[in-house]
N, C-alpha and C. Protein backbone atom coordinates (compact mmCIF):
# COMPACT_ATOMS: atom_id res chain seq x y z
N MET A 1 1.05 -1.16 -0.43
CA MET A 1 0.07 0.24 -0.07
C MET A 1 1.03 1.30 -0.08
N LYS A 2 0.39 2.15 -0.73
CA LYS A 2 1.14 3.69 -0.69
C LYS A 2 1.44 4.08 0.70
N GLN A 3 0.75 3.68 1.54
CA GLN A 3 1.05 4.48 3.01
C GLN A 3 2.19 3.81 3.64
N HIS A 4 2.16 2.77 3.04
CA HIS A 4 4.04 1.36 3.52
C HIS A 4 4.58 2.12 3.04
N TYR A 5 4.80 2.19 1.82
CA TYR A 5 6.12 2.94 0.91
C TYR A 5 6.13 4.41 1.52
N ASP A 6 4.80 5.35 1.55
CA ASP A 6 5.75 6.59 2.38
C ASP A 6 6.33 6.18 3.46
N PHE A 7 5.50 5.01 4.35
CA PHE A 7 6.27 4.85 5.84
C PHE A 7 8.05 4.87 5.92
N LEU A 8 7.83 3.82 5.18
CA LEU A 8 9.29 3.79 4.42
C LEU A 8 10.47 4.41 4.10
N MET A 9 9.53 5.30 3.29
CA MET A 9 10.63 6.62 2.44
C MET A 9 11.02 7.59 3.58
N LYS A 10 10.66 7.76 4.70
CA LYS A 10 10.43 8.56 6.07
C LYS A 10 11.25 7.96 6.71
N GLN A 11 11.52 6.24 7.17
CA GLN A 11 12.60 5.94 7.71
C GLN A 11 14.25 6.04 7.06
N ASN A 12 14.07 6.25 5.66
CA ASN A 12 15.66 6.79 4.65
C ASN A 12 16.07 5.58 4.12
N VAL A 13 14.74 4.85 3.90
CA VAL A 13 15.31 3.76 3.22
C VAL A 13 15.55 4.12 1.88
N ASP A 14 16.23 3.32 1.37
CA ASP A 14 17.00 3.65 0.00
C ASP A 14 15.95 2.87 -1.15
N VAL A 15 15.74 1.52 -1.22
CA VAL A 15 15.33 0.87 -2.13
C VAL A 15 14.82 -0.30 -1.07
N ILE A 16 13.18 -0.57 -2.28
CA ILE A 16 12.27 -1.22 -1.35
C ILE A 16 12.49 -2.57 -2.73
N THR A 17 12.61 -3.94 -2.45
CA THR A 17 12.49 -5.06 -3.12
C THR A 17 10.94 -5.49 -3.07
N SER A 18 10.40 -6.70 -4.08
CA SER A 18 9.21 -7.33 -3.44
C SER A 18 9.55 -8.33 -3.87
N GLY A 19 8.05 -9.40 -4.31
CA GLY A 19 8.05 -10.37 -4.63
C GLY A 19 6.94 -10.75 -5.21
N ASN A 20 6.18 -12.42 -5.03
CA ASN A 20 5.25 -12.86 -5.85
C ASN A 20 3.79 -12.23 -5.61
N HIS A 21 3.62 -11.13 -4.62
CA HIS A 21 2.99 -10.52 -4.11
C HIS A 21 2.83 -9.17 -4.64
N VAL A 22 3.13 -9.13 -5.15
CA VAL A 22 3.34 -7.68 -4.92
C VAL A 22 2.42 -6.91 -6.14
N PHE A 23 1.88 -7.30 -6.64
CA PHE A 23 0.84 -6.42 -7.68
C PHE A 23 -0.59 -7.26 -7.02
N LYS A 24 -0.81 -8.07 -5.70
CA LYS A 24 -2.11 -8.06 -4.99
C LYS A 24 -2.79 -7.21 -4.96
N ASN A 25 -1.98 -5.80 -4.13
CA ASN A 25 -2.92 -4.90 -3.84
C ASN A 25 -2.82 -3.89 -5.04
N LYS A 26 -4.19 -3.27 -5.68
CA LYS A 26 -4.55 -2.76 -6.77
C LYS A 26 -3.85 -1.26 -6.86
N GLU A 27 -3.53 -0.93 -5.87
CA GLU A 27 -3.18 0.31 -5.28
C GLU A 27 -1.73 0.75 -5.90
N ILE A 28 -1.01 -0.67 -6.09
CA ILE A 28 0.61 -0.16 -6.96
C ILE A 28 0.38 0.23 -7.90
N TYR A 29 -0.69 -0.38 -8.80
CA TYR A 29 -0.61 0.66 -9.80
C TYR A 29 -0.75 1.84 -10.39
N THR A 30 -1.33 2.36 -9.13
CA THR A 30 -1.34 3.91 -9.50
C THR A 30 0.29 4.96 -9.29
N TYR A 31 1.25 3.75 -8.62
CA TYR A 31 2.40 4.38 -8.16
C TYR A 31 3.79 3.96 -8.55
N ILE A 32 3.86 2.83 -8.74
CA ILE A 32 4.70 1.87 -9.06
C ILE A 32 6.21 2.76 -10.67
N ASP A 33 5.01 3.23 -11.92
CA ASP A 33 5.51 3.43 -12.45
C ASP A 33 6.54 5.00 -12.27
N GLU A 34 6.16 5.57 -11.00
CA GLU A 34 6.34 7.23 -11.10
C GLU A 34 7.52 7.30 -10.37
N VAL A 35 7.99 6.02 -9.56
CA VAL A 35 9.14 5.40 -8.59
C VAL A 35 10.14 4.95 -9.13
N ASP A 36 11.20 5.18 -8.60
CA ASP A 36 12.56 4.50 -9.04
C ASP A 36 13.22 3.47 -8.13
N ASN A 37 12.49 3.46 -6.96
CA ASN A 37 13.10 2.65 -5.92
C ASN A 37 12.15 1.53 -5.10
N LEU A 38 10.76 0.69 -6.26
CA LEU A 38 10.05 0.12 -5.51
C LEU A 38 10.56 -0.72 -6.75
N LEU A 39 11.01 -2.08 -6.56
CA LEU A 39 11.46 -2.79 -7.12
C LEU A 39 10.45 -3.74 -7.50
N ARG A 40 9.92 -4.88 -8.55
CA ARG A 40 9.18 -5.77 -8.57
C ARG A 40 10.51 -6.76 -9.20
N PRO A 41 9.85 -7.99 -9.03
CA PRO A 41 10.89 -9.36 -9.94
C PRO A 41 11.38 -8.80 -11.16
N GLU A 42 12.57 -8.82 -11.73
CA GLU A 42 12.73 -8.27 -13.21
C GLU A 42 12.14 -9.22 -14.19
N ASN A 43 11.89 -10.65 -13.82
CA ASN A 43 11.96 -11.78 -15.14
C ASN A 43 10.33 -12.16 -14.50
N MET A 44 9.31 -11.22 -14.48
CA MET A 44 8.05 -11.12 -13.89
C MET A 44 7.79 -11.46 -15.88
N GLY A 45 8.67 -10.63 -16.42
CA GLY A 45 7.89 -10.64 -17.96
C GLY A 45 8.68 -9.16 -18.64
N PRO A 46 7.82 -9.06 -19.79
CA PRO A 46 8.34 -7.68 -20.29
C PRO A 46 6.73 -6.57 -20.42
N TYR A 47 5.87 -7.56 -19.85
CA TYR A 47 4.37 -6.42 -19.95
C TYR A 47 3.97 -6.56 -18.70
N VAL A 48 5.01 -6.14 -17.26
CA VAL A 48 4.91 -6.25 -16.81
C VAL A 48 5.15 -4.67 -15.99
N PRO A 49 4.40 -3.57 -15.18
CA PRO A 49 4.62 -2.51 -15.23
C PRO A 49 5.75 -2.29 -14.04
N GLY A 50 6.60 -1.51 -13.90
CA GLY A 50 7.36 -0.94 -12.80
C GLY A 50 9.15 -1.77 -13.76
N ILE A 51 10.00 -1.72 -12.21
CA ILE A 51 11.33 -1.82 -12.95
C ILE A 51 11.68 -3.04 -12.34
N GLY A 52 12.78 -3.59 -12.35
CA GLY A 52 13.37 -5.12 -11.83
C GLY A 52 14.99 -4.45 -11.01
N THR A 53 15.09 -3.95 -11.42
CA THR A 53 16.73 -3.46 -11.15
C THR A 53 17.13 -1.76 -11.54
N ASN A 54 18.20 -1.34 -10.67
CA ASN A 54 17.87 0.05 -10.79
C ASN A 54 19.50 0.49 -9.75
N ILE A 55 19.92 1.40 -10.61
CA ILE A 55 21.17 1.54 -9.65
C ILE A 55 21.02 2.52 -9.08
N PHE A 56 21.38 2.92 -7.67
CA PHE A 56 21.37 3.94 -6.28
C PHE A 56 22.80 4.43 -6.33
N LYS A 57 23.02 5.53 -6.02
CA LYS A 57 24.28 6.35 -5.91
C LYS A 57 24.11 6.45 -3.92
N LYS A 58 25.29 6.03 -3.48
CA LYS A 58 25.22 6.52 -2.47
C LYS A 58 26.95 6.35 -1.94
N ASN A 59 27.21 7.46 -1.14
CA ASN A 59 28.32 7.16 -0.49
C ASN A 59 29.25 7.06 -1.56
N GLY A 60 29.42 7.93 -2.65
CA GLY A 60 30.46 7.85 -3.67
C GLY A 60 30.31 6.32 -4.69
N LYS A 61 29.32 5.30 -4.04
CA LYS A 61 29.36 4.58 -4.62
C LYS A 61 28.06 4.17 -5.55
N LYS A 62 28.03 3.44 -6.64
CA LYS A 62 27.19 3.03 -7.60
C LYS A 62 26.51 1.80 -7.49
N ILE A 63 25.37 1.72 -6.53
CA ILE A 63 25.24 0.75 -6.44
C ILE A 63 23.97 -0.04 -6.99
N ARG A 64 24.17 -1.14 -7.64
CA ARG A 64 23.02 -1.82 -7.86
C ARG A 64 22.32 -2.59 -7.75
N VAL A 65 21.02 -2.32 -7.25
CA VAL A 65 19.56 -3.61 -6.52
C VAL A 65 19.04 -4.33 -7.81
N THR A 66 18.74 -5.57 -7.73
CA THR A 66 18.28 -6.34 -8.44
C THR A 66 17.08 -7.50 -8.01
N ASN A 67 15.88 -7.33 -8.53
CA ASN A 67 15.29 -7.86 -8.14
C ASN A 67 14.69 -9.21 -8.97
N LEU A 68 14.79 -10.48 -8.48
CA LEU A 68 14.55 -11.43 -9.34
C LEU A 68 13.08 -12.71 -8.71
N ILE A 69 12.61 -13.26 -9.28
CA ILE A 69 12.03 -14.00 -9.09
C ILE A 69 11.64 -15.90 -9.39
N GLY A 70 12.24 -16.37 -8.54
CA GLY A 70 12.32 -17.85 -9.01
C GLY A 70 10.83 -18.74 -9.27
N ARG A 71 11.80 -19.74 -10.05
CA ARG A 71 10.39 -20.80 -10.83
C ARG A 71 9.80 -21.78 -10.31
N SER A 72 10.16 -22.34 -9.15
CA SER A 72 9.73 -24.05 -8.00
C SER A 72 9.01 -23.06 -7.75
N PHE A 73 7.55 -24.07 -7.76
CA PHE A 73 6.20 -23.74 -6.77
C PHE A 73 5.90 -22.55 -6.44
N MET A 74 6.72 -21.69 -7.75
CA MET A 74 6.09 -20.12 -8.32
C MET A 74 4.96 -20.03 -9.51
N ASP A 75 4.67 -19.15 -9.63
CA ASP A 75 3.87 -18.75 -10.68
C ASP A 75 4.66 -18.96 -11.86
N PRO A 76 4.27 -19.03 -13.08
CA PRO A 76 4.99 -18.89 -14.04
C PRO A 76 5.97 -17.19 -14.40
N SER A 77 7.11 -17.73 -14.96
CA SER A 77 8.14 -15.93 -15.01
C SER A 77 9.29 -16.76 -16.12
N GLU A 78 9.60 -15.45 -16.14
CA GLU A 78 10.57 -15.67 -17.45
C GLU A 78 11.88 -16.06 -16.83
N ASN A 79 12.83 -16.54 -17.20
CA ASN A 79 14.50 -17.75 -16.86
C ASN A 79 15.13 -16.33 -16.38
N PRO A 80 15.36 -16.47 -14.52
CA PRO A 80 16.12 -15.48 -13.92
C PRO A 80 17.44 -15.51 -14.41
N TYR A 81 18.32 -16.59 -15.02
CA TYR A 81 19.63 -16.63 -15.22
C TYR A 81 19.63 -15.63 -16.41
N LYS A 82 19.23 -15.80 -17.78
CA LYS A 82 18.83 -14.55 -18.96
C LYS A 82 18.63 -13.42 -18.36
N ALA A 83 17.52 -13.22 -17.61
CA ALA A 83 17.31 -11.26 -16.94
C ALA A 83 18.38 -11.05 -16.22
N MET A 84 19.53 -11.71 -15.82
CA MET A 84 20.76 -11.86 -14.50
C MET A 84 21.81 -11.10 -15.91
N GLU A 85 21.66 -12.29 -16.83
CA GLU A 85 23.07 -11.88 -17.80
C GLU A 85 22.17 -10.99 -18.72
N ASP A 86 21.18 -10.27 -18.92
CA ASP A 86 21.20 -9.43 -19.46
C ASP A 86 21.34 -8.16 -19.01
N ILE A 87 21.38 -8.13 -17.62
CA ILE A 87 21.36 -6.99 -16.77
C ILE A 87 23.21 -6.73 -16.71
N LEU A 88 23.90 -7.90 -16.64
CA LEU A 88 25.25 -7.82 -16.74
C LEU A 88 26.19 -7.45 -17.70
N GLU A 89 25.08 -7.39 -18.21
CA GLU A 89 25.96 -7.21 -20.27
C GLU A 89 26.66 -5.49 -20.44
N ASN A 90 25.66 -4.86 -19.57
CA ASN A 90 25.83 -3.41 -19.95
C ASN A 90 25.65 -2.75 -18.46
N ASP A 91 26.37 -3.52 -17.27
CA ASP A 91 26.26 -3.04 -16.01
C ASP A 91 27.63 -2.27 -15.83
N ASN A 92 27.56 -1.25 -15.00
CA ASN A 92 29.05 -0.35 -14.53
C ASN A 92 29.17 0.19 -13.31
N SER A 93 28.11 -0.89 -12.74
CA SER A 93 28.05 -0.31 -10.78
C SER A 93 28.97 -0.91 -9.93
N ASP A 94 29.47 -0.28 -8.79
CA ASP A 94 30.57 -0.77 -8.47
C ASP A 94 30.37 -1.73 -7.31
N ILE A 95 29.09 -1.79 -6.94
CA ILE A 95 27.97 -2.99 -5.88
C ILE A 95 27.10 -3.29 -6.67
N HIS A 96 26.91 -4.53 -6.18
CA HIS A 96 25.57 -4.56 -7.25
C HIS A 96 25.04 -6.10 -6.15
N ILE A 97 23.94 -5.71 -5.43
CA ILE A 97 23.35 -6.38 -4.40
C ILE A 97 21.95 -7.39 -5.30
N VAL A 98 21.56 -8.53 -5.09
CA VAL A 98 20.66 -9.33 -5.68
C VAL A 98 19.49 -9.61 -4.53
N ASP A 99 18.40 -9.95 -4.50
CA ASP A 99 17.22 -10.21 -3.97
C ASP A 99 16.67 -11.32 -4.92
N PHE A 100 16.68 -12.45 -4.52
CA PHE A 100 16.33 -13.60 -4.81
C PHE A 100 14.77 -13.93 -4.45
N HIS A 101 13.92 -13.96 -5.09
CA HIS A 101 12.55 -14.71 -4.18
C HIS A 101 12.33 -15.33 -4.84
N ALA A 102 12.88 -16.91 -4.06
CA ALA A 102 12.05 -18.02 -4.63
C ALA A 102 12.22 -19.01 -3.47
N GLU A 103 11.46 -19.90 -3.54
CA GLU A 103 10.72 -21.04 -2.75
C GLU A 103 11.96 -22.32 -2.10
N ALA A 104 12.22 -22.64 -3.28
CA ALA A 104 13.53 -23.94 -3.44
C ALA A 104 14.97 -23.18 -3.14
N THR A 105 15.57 -23.78 -1.50
CA THR A 105 16.50 -23.55 -1.59
C THR A 105 17.88 -23.52 -2.44
N ALA A 106 17.91 -24.66 -2.71
CA ALA A 106 18.83 -25.21 -4.36
C ALA A 106 18.78 -24.33 -5.44
N GLU A 107 17.45 -23.45 -5.67
CA GLU A 107 17.37 -23.13 -7.11
C GLU A 107 17.99 -21.84 -6.16
N LYS A 108 17.77 -21.21 -5.35
CA LYS A 108 18.77 -19.65 -4.81
C LYS A 108 20.17 -19.97 -4.69
N LEU A 109 20.59 -21.04 -4.04
CA LEU A 109 22.21 -21.14 -4.13
C LEU A 109 22.56 -21.92 -5.39
N ALA A 110 21.92 -22.10 -6.50
CA ALA A 110 22.31 -22.95 -7.64
C ALA A 110 22.45 -20.87 -8.65
N LEU A 111 21.46 -20.21 -8.22
CA LEU A 111 21.76 -19.19 -9.10
C LEU A 111 22.99 -18.13 -8.27
N ALA A 112 23.02 -18.19 -7.03
CA ALA A 112 24.29 -17.73 -6.40
C ALA A 112 25.78 -18.11 -6.92
N THR A 113 25.57 -19.46 -7.04
CA THR A 113 26.61 -20.08 -7.24
C THR A 113 27.49 -19.70 -8.54
N PHE A 114 26.69 -19.98 -9.75
CA PHE A 114 26.75 -19.41 -10.92
C PHE A 114 26.88 -18.47 -11.37
N PHE A 115 26.41 -17.08 -10.58
CA PHE A 115 26.89 -15.85 -10.79
C PHE A 115 28.05 -15.08 -9.88
N ASP A 116 28.80 -16.37 -9.09
CA ASP A 116 29.44 -15.99 -8.03
C ASP A 116 30.91 -15.29 -8.77
N GLY A 117 31.27 -14.27 -7.90
CA GLY A 117 32.08 -13.47 -8.32
C GLY A 117 31.89 -11.89 -9.62
N LYS A 118 30.83 -12.51 -9.54
CA LYS A 118 30.16 -11.59 -11.18
C LYS A 118 29.11 -10.52 -10.21
N ILE A 119 28.31 -10.71 -8.80
CA ILE A 119 27.72 -10.65 -8.19
C ILE A 119 28.04 -9.35 -6.75
N THR A 120 28.09 -9.35 -5.79
CA THR A 120 28.33 -8.54 -4.80
C THR A 120 28.04 -9.51 -3.75
N ALA A 121 26.32 -9.51 -3.80
CA ALA A 121 25.84 -10.75 -2.97
C ALA A 121 24.58 -11.17 -3.28
N LEU A 122 24.21 -11.73 -3.12
CA LEU A 122 22.73 -12.53 -3.00
C LEU A 122 22.05 -12.94 -1.77
N VAL A 123 20.86 -12.19 -1.90
CA VAL A 123 20.21 -12.90 -0.75
C VAL A 123 19.00 -13.67 -1.28
N GLY A 124 18.53 -14.80 -0.54
CA GLY A 124 16.93 -15.09 -0.79
C GLY A 124 15.99 -14.52 0.40
N THR A 125 14.81 -14.44 -0.86
CA THR A 125 13.77 -13.82 0.21
C THR A 125 12.36 -14.65 -0.08
N HIS A 126 11.34 -15.60 0.94
CA HIS A 126 10.07 -15.57 -0.03
C HIS A 126 9.49 -16.91 1.70
N THR A 127 10.43 -17.56 2.01
CA THR A 127 9.73 -18.26 2.96
C THR A 127 9.10 -18.07 4.36
N HIS A 128 9.78 -16.83 4.47
CA HIS A 128 9.78 -15.98 6.30
C HIS A 128 10.57 -16.79 7.27
N VAL A 129 11.34 -17.50 6.55
CA VAL A 129 12.18 -18.62 7.60
C VAL A 129 13.57 -18.05 7.53
N GLN A 130 14.27 -17.17 8.55
CA GLN A 130 15.40 -16.83 8.38
C GLN A 130 16.07 -18.16 8.73
N THR A 131 17.78 -18.22 7.27
CA THR A 131 18.18 -19.66 7.50
C THR A 131 19.57 -18.99 8.21
N ALA A 132 20.51 -19.93 8.80
CA ALA A 132 21.81 -19.72 9.37
C ALA A 132 22.99 -20.16 8.43
N ASP A 133 22.92 -20.22 7.16
CA ASP A 133 23.52 -20.38 6.39
C ASP A 133 24.32 -19.20 5.30
N GLU A 134 24.62 -17.87 5.88
CA GLU A 134 25.54 -16.85 5.39
C GLU A 134 26.66 -17.54 5.13
N ARG A 135 27.32 -17.24 4.01
CA ARG A 135 28.66 -17.08 3.85
C ARG A 135 29.11 -16.59 2.91
N ILE A 136 30.36 -16.69 2.72
CA ILE A 136 31.48 -15.70 1.29
C ILE A 136 31.53 -16.90 0.29
N LEU A 137 30.48 -16.87 -0.74
CA LEU A 137 30.88 -18.07 -1.70
C LEU A 137 32.85 -18.16 -2.41
N PRO A 138 33.03 -19.35 -2.90
CA PRO A 138 34.54 -19.47 -3.63
C PRO A 138 35.08 -18.14 -4.31
N LYS A 139 34.14 -17.51 -4.83
CA LYS A 139 34.89 -16.41 -6.09
C LYS A 139 34.09 -15.21 -5.33
N GLY A 140 33.89 -14.72 -4.00
CA GLY A 140 33.89 -13.67 -3.22
C GLY A 140 32.02 -13.23 -2.94
N THR A 141 31.08 -13.64 -3.61
CA THR A 141 29.88 -13.27 -3.83
C THR A 141 29.18 -13.50 -2.04
N GLY A 142 28.71 -12.74 -1.76
CA GLY A 142 28.07 -13.24 -0.55
C GLY A 142 26.72 -13.66 -0.50
N PHE A 143 26.16 -14.96 0.69
CA PHE A 143 25.21 -15.47 0.08
C PHE A 143 24.62 -15.61 1.23
N LEU A 144 22.99 -15.23 1.16
CA LEU A 144 22.21 -15.97 2.46
C LEU A 144 20.95 -16.87 1.71
N THR A 145 20.81 -18.01 1.98
CA THR A 145 19.24 -18.83 1.37
C THR A 145 18.23 -17.76 1.55
N ASP A 146 17.88 -17.24 3.23
CA ASP A 146 16.83 -16.53 3.50
C ASP A 146 16.91 -15.71 4.35
N LEU A 147 16.65 -14.30 4.09
CA LEU A 147 16.89 -13.41 4.78
C LEU A 147 15.94 -13.95 6.15
N GLY A 148 14.83 -14.06 6.23
CA GLY A 148 13.61 -14.05 7.24
C GLY A 148 12.91 -13.28 7.23
N MET A 149 11.77 -13.65 7.84
CA MET A 149 10.76 -12.68 8.15
C MET A 149 10.79 -11.22 8.91
N THR A 150 10.13 -10.27 8.38
CA THR A 150 10.42 -9.24 9.62
C THR A 150 8.52 -9.10 9.94
N GLY A 151 7.92 -8.75 11.22
CA GLY A 151 6.74 -8.89 11.14
C GLY A 151 6.20 -9.77 12.10
N CYS A 152 5.07 -9.73 12.76
CA CYS A 152 4.46 -9.96 13.90
C CYS A 152 4.96 -11.62 14.19
N TYR A 153 5.70 -11.69 15.41
CA TYR A 153 6.25 -12.78 15.98
C TYR A 153 5.04 -14.02 16.27
N GLU A 154 4.73 -13.51 16.85
CA GLU A 154 3.21 -14.41 17.18
C GLU A 154 2.13 -14.33 15.90
N SER A 155 2.68 -15.50 14.57
CA SER A 155 1.57 -15.00 13.69
C SER A 155 2.31 -16.89 13.22
N ILE A 156 1.71 -16.80 11.85
CA ILE A 156 1.84 -17.76 11.18
C ILE A 156 2.36 -17.33 9.81
N ILE A 157 3.11 -17.18 8.93
CA ILE A 157 4.10 -16.55 7.87
C ILE A 157 4.05 -14.83 8.17
N GLY A 158 3.15 -14.19 9.59
CA GLY A 158 3.05 -12.90 9.21
C GLY A 158 1.55 -12.52 9.20
N ALA A 159 0.32 -13.69 9.30
CA ALA A 159 -1.01 -13.50 9.44
C ALA A 159 -1.20 -14.60 10.50
N GLU A 160 -2.61 -13.80 10.69
CA GLU A 160 -3.04 -14.47 12.15
C GLU A 160 -3.67 -16.04 11.73
N THR A 161 -3.48 -16.74 13.14
CA THR A 161 -2.99 -17.88 13.13
C THR A 161 -4.36 -18.46 12.76
N ASP A 162 -5.75 -18.26 13.24
CA ASP A 162 -6.46 -18.91 13.01
C ASP A 162 -7.36 -19.19 12.21
N ALA A 163 -7.21 -18.05 10.90
CA ALA A 163 -7.15 -18.35 9.73
C ALA A 163 -6.73 -19.41 8.49
N ILE A 164 -5.05 -19.15 9.00
CA ILE A 164 -4.49 -20.47 8.16
C ILE A 164 -4.93 -21.80 8.58
N ILE A 165 -5.12 -21.75 9.91
CA ILE A 165 -5.42 -23.09 10.03
C ILE A 165 -6.54 -23.58 10.31
N ARG A 166 -7.74 -22.65 9.96
CA ARG A 166 -8.89 -23.05 9.03
C ARG A 166 -8.83 -23.56 7.62
N LYS A 167 -7.95 -22.94 7.00
CA LYS A 167 -7.71 -23.43 5.57
C LYS A 167 -7.03 -25.02 5.62
N GLU A 168 -6.12 -24.52 5.94
CA GLU A 168 -4.72 -25.80 6.14
C GLU A 168 -6.04 -27.49 7.05
N ARG A 169 -6.80 -27.29 7.96
CA ARG A 169 -7.73 -27.96 8.39
C ARG A 169 -8.66 -28.47 7.77
N THR A 170 -9.49 -27.15 6.85
CA THR A 170 -10.36 -27.85 6.33
C THR A 170 -10.51 -27.82 4.86
N GLY A 171 -9.58 -26.89 4.01
CA GLY A 171 -9.46 -26.80 2.42
C GLY A 171 -10.55 -25.83 2.34
N LEU A 172 -11.03 -25.18 3.05
CA LEU A 172 -11.87 -24.53 2.43
C LEU A 172 -11.18 -22.54 2.13
N PRO A 173 -11.66 -22.25 1.45
CA PRO A 173 -11.04 -20.60 0.80
C PRO A 173 -11.29 -19.78 2.15
N THR A 174 -10.01 -19.19 2.62
CA THR A 174 -10.10 -18.85 3.93
C THR A 174 -9.11 -17.19 3.58
N ARG A 175 -10.00 -15.91 3.68
CA ARG A 175 -8.78 -14.51 3.73
C ARG A 175 -8.06 -14.97 4.95
N PHE A 176 -7.16 -14.05 4.66
CA PHE A 176 -5.73 -13.80 5.41
C PHE A 176 -5.59 -12.90 6.14
N GLU A 177 -5.49 -12.25 7.10
CA GLU A 177 -5.19 -11.21 7.60
C GLU A 177 -3.88 -11.13 8.00
N PRO A 178 -3.46 -9.59 7.78
CA PRO A 178 -1.84 -9.68 9.06
C PRO A 178 -2.45 -9.57 9.99
N ALA A 179 -1.44 -10.23 10.94
CA ALA A 179 -1.25 -10.77 12.49
C ALA A 179 -1.01 -9.33 13.24
N SER A 180 -1.49 -9.14 14.16
CA SER A 180 -0.90 -7.63 14.97
C SER A 180 -0.17 -8.28 16.69
N GLY A 181 0.91 -7.61 17.31
CA GLY A 181 1.36 -8.18 18.07
C GLY A 181 2.97 -7.81 18.15
N LYS A 182 3.35 -8.54 19.29
CA LYS A 182 4.76 -8.18 19.18
C LYS A 182 5.61 -8.92 17.70
N GLY A 183 6.53 -7.83 17.74
CA GLY A 183 7.29 -8.30 15.95
C GLY A 183 8.65 -9.13 16.37
N GLN A 184 9.03 -9.18 14.99
CA GLN A 184 10.58 -9.36 14.62
C GLN A 184 11.40 -8.81 14.16
N ILE A 185 12.67 -8.35 14.02
CA ILE A 185 12.92 -7.94 12.33
C ILE A 185 14.56 -9.12 12.30
N CYS A 186 14.50 -9.65 10.83
CA CYS A 186 15.06 -10.43 10.93
C CYS A 186 16.20 -9.64 9.15
N GLY A 187 17.47 -9.88 8.84
CA GLY A 187 17.93 -9.25 7.99
C GLY A 187 19.13 -9.59 8.05
N LEU A 188 19.81 -8.80 7.23
CA LEU A 188 21.55 -9.27 6.76
C LEU A 188 22.28 -8.38 7.02
N MET A 189 23.54 -8.37 7.56
CA MET A 189 24.15 -6.94 7.20
C MET A 189 25.78 -7.43 6.52
N ILE A 190 26.03 -6.74 5.85
CA ILE A 190 26.78 -6.83 4.58
C ILE A 190 28.31 -5.72 4.48
N GLU A 191 29.21 -6.03 5.38
CA GLU A 191 30.38 -5.55 5.40
C GLU A 191 31.17 -5.37 3.75
N ILE A 192 31.38 -4.67 3.12
CA ILE A 192 32.35 -4.80 1.79
C ILE A 192 33.30 -3.29 2.14
N ASP A 193 34.47 -4.35 1.19
CA ASP A 193 35.58 -3.33 1.50
C ASP A 193 35.75 -2.31 0.89
N ASP A 194 35.93 -0.75 0.70
CA ASP A 194 35.35 0.15 0.04
C ASP A 194 36.59 0.49 -0.83
N SER A 195 37.90 -0.43 -1.12
CA SER A 195 38.71 -0.30 -2.04
C SER A 195 37.97 -1.14 -3.17
N SER A 196 37.73 -2.62 -2.42
CA SER A 196 37.98 -3.76 -3.60
C SER A 196 36.90 -3.68 -4.09
N ASN A 197 35.16 -3.49 -3.22
CA ASN A 197 34.21 -3.38 -3.42
C ASN A 197 33.67 -4.74 -3.26
N LYS A 198 34.80 -5.57 -2.29
CA LYS A 198 34.40 -7.32 -2.22
C LYS A 198 33.76 -7.48 -0.60
N VAL A 199 33.04 -8.56 -0.49
CA VAL A 199 32.16 -8.62 0.86
C VAL A 199 33.44 -9.23 1.67
N LYS A 200 33.40 -8.45 2.60
CA LYS A 200 34.54 -8.72 3.91
C LYS A 200 34.02 -9.56 4.86
N ALA A 201 32.48 -9.63 5.14
CA ALA A 201 32.05 -10.04 6.47
C ALA A 201 30.41 -10.23 6.21
N LEU A 202 29.96 -11.34 6.66
CA LEU A 202 28.38 -11.45 6.60
C LEU A 202 27.62 -11.76 7.84
N GLU A 203 26.92 -10.66 8.49
CA GLU A 203 26.04 -10.80 10.07
C GLU A 203 24.27 -11.03 9.57
N ARG A 204 23.93 -11.84 10.47
CA ARG A 204 22.85 -12.03 10.52
C ARG A 204 22.18 -10.95 11.21
N LEU A 205 21.02 -10.62 11.03
CA LEU A 205 20.25 -9.66 12.10
C LEU A 205 18.80 -10.81 12.72
N TYR A 206 18.72 -10.44 14.01
CA TYR A 206 17.56 -10.83 14.45
C TYR A 206 17.28 -10.43 15.79
N VAL A 207 16.25 -9.83 15.89
CA VAL A 207 16.08 -8.61 16.92
C VAL A 207 14.08 -9.35 17.22
N LYS A 208 13.89 -9.78 18.26
CA LYS A 208 12.78 -10.11 19.16
C LYS A 208 12.19 -9.23 19.81
N GLU A 209 11.15 -8.71 19.91
CA GLU A 209 10.50 -7.64 21.06
C GLU A 209 10.25 -8.33 22.20
């Protein structure tokens, strides 16, 4: 929703990535083409509004952020390898961070391994569960299978528990509502060498209220 975008901008957030639910709220159609720091997955297709990659200038560096979506257990999308190769062909950024929004852990690691040394870091999103496998790949790319969820701790992937249990138990269509209550913050801090633009260290971030 636009109010959430505006709130994050007031917190000095530089760029927002998204995933398979990005167009579920129709309000996004009214402003996604007007902003350059709200990304949807680049490989969603050529007729989808918005952009999936962009360069942001920060502290004298050109930092590219790319949003991709996986194809395993997800709605149909274009090949993320081809999308990334097209981006890299004319890329002149100093640092390149990729958010790969995908379900399968192997799919995330495979993409990161293939582009190891060609991008600065690849982090996975989508499963709502933070993984404990942060590492620097052999050619220097930082990697984490999944950042985890920032949202309500006493929930099921951020939604009210009763509705999800009802759907799982009965199989009947159920409307999910965002849960409320004490929250958690998940993320990854990436330390990058200022001279080489290579990842020096990775540290998972997890804060529970």
